[in-house]
Amino acid sequence: MYPSIQVGKYLVSPLIRRDHGGRYIASVSIRSGHASMTQDRLMRFTPLFESAQAAVEFAKAEAFSYIRACALPVMPAWLRPQTAGTSHPSGHSFATN
């Protein structure tokens, strides 16, 4: 078992195991919330690794990437770039280059 890492409101726990061929398989648990409001996302990855440390580093990097993506603000649909010839919620059509 590898130590869990607290990242803001998330608890990141790398989970590593060996396959039948002796290579390492990486997974990670990303937990947030408390008591009955706890959420736990488990990610399992397809790459195999020659060392446990490489698998741990990969799992942590993927977890940190997921946490960063969750922290990004969501842009309202009407502010997102649209394809040419589509209309804006105001009803006006416009084209983009």
Foldseek 3Di string as FASTA:
>chain_A
DDDWDDDPQWIKDWDWDADPVGWIWIKIWIWGDDDPPIDIDIGTDDDTHRDPVVRRVVNVVVVVVVVVVVPDDDDPPQPDDDAAQDAHPVRDHGGDD
